[in-house]
Amino acid sequence: MKLPFSHDAFLDVFGRYNTVLWPAVVLLWLATVALAWEWVRRDRIDGRKLFALLSVHWAWSGIAYHWFFFRNINPAASVFAALFVLQAILFAWLAVRSRAQFAVELRPRRMLSGALVCYGLVYPFLSLAFGLHYPRLPLFAVPCPTTLVTAGFLLTATSVPRFIKVVPVVWATIGSSAAIFLGIRADVALVAAGALLGLDILLPTALGSTSV
């Protein structure tokens, strides 16, 4: 598949994004770490609180990254921005109306969920470990780590409509192409994230029930 931009142009987008918006990147990373720690320490998270944070993540990636930066080298980023804003609206709706909880239980679903959340949080350091250099690398508060963290939390969410998982699966499919065609090795985990969420949509009991 031929992309409308080069590897260097792709990394240049991150360079401009990180140089201008690094405070937001750090704040969103810290907020996500805090909620993940609460999840582990208390064995659950208030679903409204987490959905509110996920809404911010998806809106930020859609508007700040896709619309204002990625769109400069890829016309399809306009569509991506719309998808991310749509997902942000869905999460905001759940933050207001949902009673979902995120349980910590010793079963395959819990272990896979924790692995994806942890991977998403260490994603910035993996990018550095794989040989990319600041600021020209994906860190956090951009689409791929956002999808990884989201997939992890959704795997242990209770009482969440299946359609909430569709856009993250779509982006996991699109975003994993960066691992293949652009050499962004940290994005390889999107293959697993997309497969697990897709399985959860089609066969919701395959990884164990989410009832608490």
Protein backbone atom coordinates (compact mmCIF):
# COMPACT_ATOMS: atom_id res chain seq x y z
CA MET A 1 0.00 0.00 0.00
CA LYS A 2 1.37 3.40 -1.00
CA LEU A 3 0.87 6.12 1.60
CA PRO A 4 0.45 9.80 0.66
CA PHE A 5 3.40 10.78 2.88
CA SER A 6 6.88 9.55 3.72
CA HIS A 7 8.29 8.12 6.94
CA ASP A 8 10.20 11.38 7.57
CA ALA A 9 7.12 13.53 6.92
CA PHE A 10 5.16 11.37 9.39
CA LEU A 11 7.79 11.84 12.11
CA ASP A 12 7.97 15.57 11.35
CA VAL A 13 4.28 15.82 12.26
CA PHE A 14 5.05 14.42 15.70
CA GLY A 15 8.00 16.78 15.99
CA ARG A 16 5.78 19.81 15.48
CA TYR A 17 3.00 18.37 17.66
CA ASN A 18 5.28 17.56 20.60
CA THR A 19 7.13 20.86 20.42
CA VAL A 20 3.92 22.88 20.64
CA LEU A 21 1.67 20.68 22.79
CA TRP A 22 4.00 18.76 25.11
CA PRO A 23 2.35 20.14 28.32
CA ALA A 24 -0.98 18.57 27.30
CA VAL A 25 0.80 15.31 26.49
CA VAL A 26 2.31 15.20 29.97
CA LEU A 27 -0.95 16.13 31.71
CA LEU A 28 -2.99 13.48 29.89
CA TRP A 29 -0.35 10.86 30.63
CA LEU A 30 -0.33 11.76 34.35
CA ALA A 31 -4.15 11.76 34.52
CA THR A 32 -4.27 8.33 32.89
CA VAL A 33 -1.60 6.92 35.21
CA ALA A 34 -3.56 8.23 38.21
CA LEU A 35 -6.77 6.52 37.11
CA ALA A 36 -4.97 3.28 36.26
CA TRP A 37 -3.39 3.31 39.72
CA GLU A 38 -6.81 3.90 41.31
CA TRP A 39 -8.14 0.95 39.31
CA VAL A 40 -5.45 -1.33 40.72
CA ARG A 41 -5.52 0.04 44.28
CA ARG A 42 -9.30 0.07 44.75
CA ASP A 43 -10.14 -2.88 42.44
CA ARG A 44 -12.49 -0.71 40.37
CA ILE A 45 -12.95 2.78 38.89
CA ASP A 46 -16.03 4.95 38.74
CA GLY A 47 -17.10 4.44 35.12
CA ARG A 48 -18.20 8.05 34.74
CA LYS A 49 -14.81 9.35 35.74
CA LEU A 50 -12.95 7.11 33.31
CA PHE A 51 -15.35 7.69 30.41
CA ALA A 52 -14.91 11.43 30.92
CA LEU A 53 -11.13 11.02 30.62
CA LEU A 54 -11.46 8.79 27.55
CA SER A 55 -13.73 11.40 25.99
CA VAL A 56 -11.02 14.02 26.45
CA HIS A 57 -8.42 11.65 24.98
CA TRP A 58 -10.42 10.96 21.84
CA ALA A 59 -11.49 14.56 21.31
CA TRP A 60 -7.92 15.73 21.78
CA SER A 61 -6.47 13.18 19.36
CA GLY A 62 -9.17 13.95 16.81
CA ILE A 63 -8.91 17.73 16.92
CA ALA A 64 -5.41 18.57 18.14
CA TYR A 65 -3.56 15.78 16.33
CA HIS A 66 -5.61 14.71 13.29
CA TRP A 67 -7.18 18.04 12.37
CA PHE A 68 -4.45 20.53 13.17
CA PHE A 69 -1.33 18.46 12.42
CA PHE A 70 -1.83 15.17 10.57
CA ARG A 71 -4.24 16.70 8.06
CA ASN A 72 -1.33 18.74 6.67
CA ILE A 73 0.20 15.61 5.12
CA ASN A 74 -2.79 13.26 4.84
CA PRO A 75 -6.21 14.38 3.50
CA ALA A 76 -7.81 11.32 5.11
CA ALA A 77 -7.06 12.84 8.51
CA SER A 78 -10.25 14.89 8.16
CA VAL A 79 -12.24 11.65 8.23
CA PHE A 80 -10.11 10.33 11.08
CA ALA A 81 -10.77 13.50 13.06
CA ALA A 82 -14.52 13.05 12.60
CA LEU A 83 -14.31 9.42 13.78
CA PHE A 84 -12.37 10.40 16.88
CA VAL A 85 -14.75 13.22 17.75
CA LEU A 86 -17.68 10.82 17.29
CA GLN A 87 -16.04 8.40 19.73
CA ALA A 88 -15.41 11.26 22.16
CA ILE A 89 -19.13 12.12 22.04
CA LEU A 90 -20.04 8.49 22.73
CA PHE A 91 -17.72 8.39 25.72
CA ALA A 92 -19.11 11.71 26.98
CA TRP A 93 -22.62 10.24 26.70
CA LEU A 94 -21.53 7.22 28.74
CA ALA A 95 -19.86 9.49 31.31
CA VAL A 96 -23.21 11.15 31.91
CA ARG A 97 -25.51 8.12 31.69
CA SER A 98 -23.51 4.98 32.39
CA ARG A 99 -23.20 3.06 35.65
CA ALA A 100 -20.34 0.95 34.28
CA GLN A 101 -17.54 -0.18 36.54
CA PHE A 102 -14.11 -1.56 35.66
CA ALA A 103 -13.39 -4.60 37.75
CA VAL A 104 -10.05 -6.12 38.70
CA GLU A 105 -10.44 -9.89 38.60
CA LEU A 106 -7.94 -12.71 38.16
CA ARG A 107 -9.08 -14.12 34.85
CA PRO A 108 -7.77 -13.94 31.25
CA ARG A 109 -9.82 -10.83 30.52
CA ARG A 110 -8.25 -8.97 33.45
CA MET A 111 -4.70 -9.93 32.53
CA LEU A 112 -5.14 -8.94 28.89
CA SER A 113 -6.77 -5.68 29.92
CA GLY A 114 -3.97 -4.80 32.32
CA ALA A 115 -1.35 -5.65 29.74
CA LEU A 116 -2.89 -3.27 27.17
CA VAL A 117 -3.28 -0.42 29.66
CA CYS A 118 0.31 -0.83 30.86
CA TYR A 119 1.56 -1.02 27.28
CA GLY A 120 -0.29 2.17 26.40
CA LEU A 121 1.25 3.97 29.37
CA VAL A 122 4.82 2.87 28.58
CA TYR A 123 4.29 3.54 24.87
CA PRO A 124 6.32 6.81 24.92
CA PHE A 125 9.33 5.01 26.38
CA LEU A 126 9.02 2.14 23.91
CA SER A 127 9.19 4.61 21.04
CA LEU A 128 12.48 5.88 22.45
CA ALA A 129 13.75 2.34 23.06
CA PHE A 130 13.00 1.42 19.45
CA GLY A 131 15.39 4.11 18.23
CA LEU A 132 13.20 7.15 17.58
CA HIS A 133 14.33 10.53 18.89
CA TYR A 134 12.47 13.30 20.66
CA PRO A 135 10.55 15.27 19.49
CA ARG A 136 10.08 13.29 16.25
CA LEU A 137 8.23 10.32 17.73
CA PRO A 138 4.75 9.40 18.99
CA LEU A 139 4.62 9.86 22.75
CA PHE A 140 1.12 10.04 24.26
CA ALA A 141 -2.16 11.89 23.68
CA VAL A 142 -2.07 10.76 20.04
CA PRO A 143 -4.30 8.15 18.37
CA CYS A 144 -2.37 4.89 18.78
CA PRO A 145 -1.56 4.96 22.52
CA THR A 146 -5.04 6.39 23.10
CA THR A 147 -6.53 3.34 21.37
CA LEU A 148 -4.33 0.93 23.31
CA VAL A 149 -5.32 2.37 26.68
CA THR A 150 -8.97 2.54 25.65
CA ALA A 151 -8.99 -1.08 24.50
CA GLY A 152 -7.49 -2.18 27.78
CA PHE A 153 -10.09 -0.44 29.91
CA LEU A 154 -13.00 -1.50 27.70
CA LEU A 155 -12.10 -5.18 28.04
CA THR A 156 -13.10 -5.10 31.72
CA ALA A 157 -15.95 -2.60 31.49
CA THR A 158 -19.35 -3.89 32.54
CA SER A 159 -22.65 -2.91 30.93
CA VAL A 160 -21.06 -1.13 27.96
CA PRO A 161 -22.85 -1.28 24.57
CA ARG A 162 -20.90 -3.18 21.92
CA PHE A 163 -21.02 -0.28 19.46
CA ILE A 164 -18.78 1.72 21.81
CA LYS A 165 -15.92 -0.58 20.75
CA VAL A 166 -16.35 -0.25 16.97
CA VAL A 167 -14.31 2.93 16.34
CA PRO A 168 -11.39 1.73 18.50
CA VAL A 169 -11.34 -1.49 16.43
CA VAL A 170 -11.37 0.54 13.22
CA TRP A 171 -8.47 2.69 14.39
CA ALA A 172 -6.52 -0.32 15.66
CA THR A 173 -6.76 -1.71 12.13
CA ILE A 174 -5.72 1.57 10.49
CA GLY A 175 -3.10 2.49 13.06
CA SER A 176 -1.37 -0.89 12.98
CA SER A 177 -0.45 -0.13 9.37
CA ALA A 178 2.09 2.34 10.82
CA ALA A 179 3.94 -0.60 12.32
CA ILE A 180 4.06 -2.31 8.94
CA PHE A 181 4.57 0.52 6.46
CA LEU A 182 6.26 3.21 8.57
CA GLY A 183 8.36 1.19 10.96
CA ILE A 184 6.66 2.42 14.15
CA ARG A 185 7.28 -0.79 16.05
CA ALA A 186 5.42 0.26 19.20
CA ASP A 187 2.20 0.13 17.15
CA VAL A 188 2.43 -3.64 16.66
CA ALA A 189 0.35 -4.06 19.83
CA LEU A 190 -2.61 -2.48 18.01
CA VAL A 191 -3.04 -5.78 16.18
CA ALA A 192 -3.71 -7.53 19.48
CA ALA A 193 -5.88 -4.67 20.78
CA GLY A 194 -8.05 -4.68 17.68
CA ALA A 195 -8.36 -8.46 17.65
CA LEU A 196 -9.37 -8.62 21.33
CA LEU A 197 -11.95 -5.84 21.03
CA GLY A 198 -13.29 -7.35 17.82
CA LEU A 199 -13.65 -10.72 19.55
CA ASP A 200 -15.40 -8.98 22.43
CA ILE A 201 -17.93 -7.46 20.02
CA LEU A 202 -18.67 -10.73 18.24
CA LEU A 203 -18.34 -13.16 21.17
CA PRO A 204 -18.65 -11.15 24.39
CA THR A 205 -18.24 -14.20 26.66
CA ALA A 206 -15.17 -15.60 24.89
CA LEU A 207 -12.76 -13.94 27.35
CA GLY A 208 -14.98 -14.55 30.36
CA SER A 209 -18.02 -12.67 31.61
CA THR A 210 -17.64 -9.02 32.65
CA SER A 211 -20.32 -9.34 35.32
CA VAL A 212 -19.16 -8.31 38.81
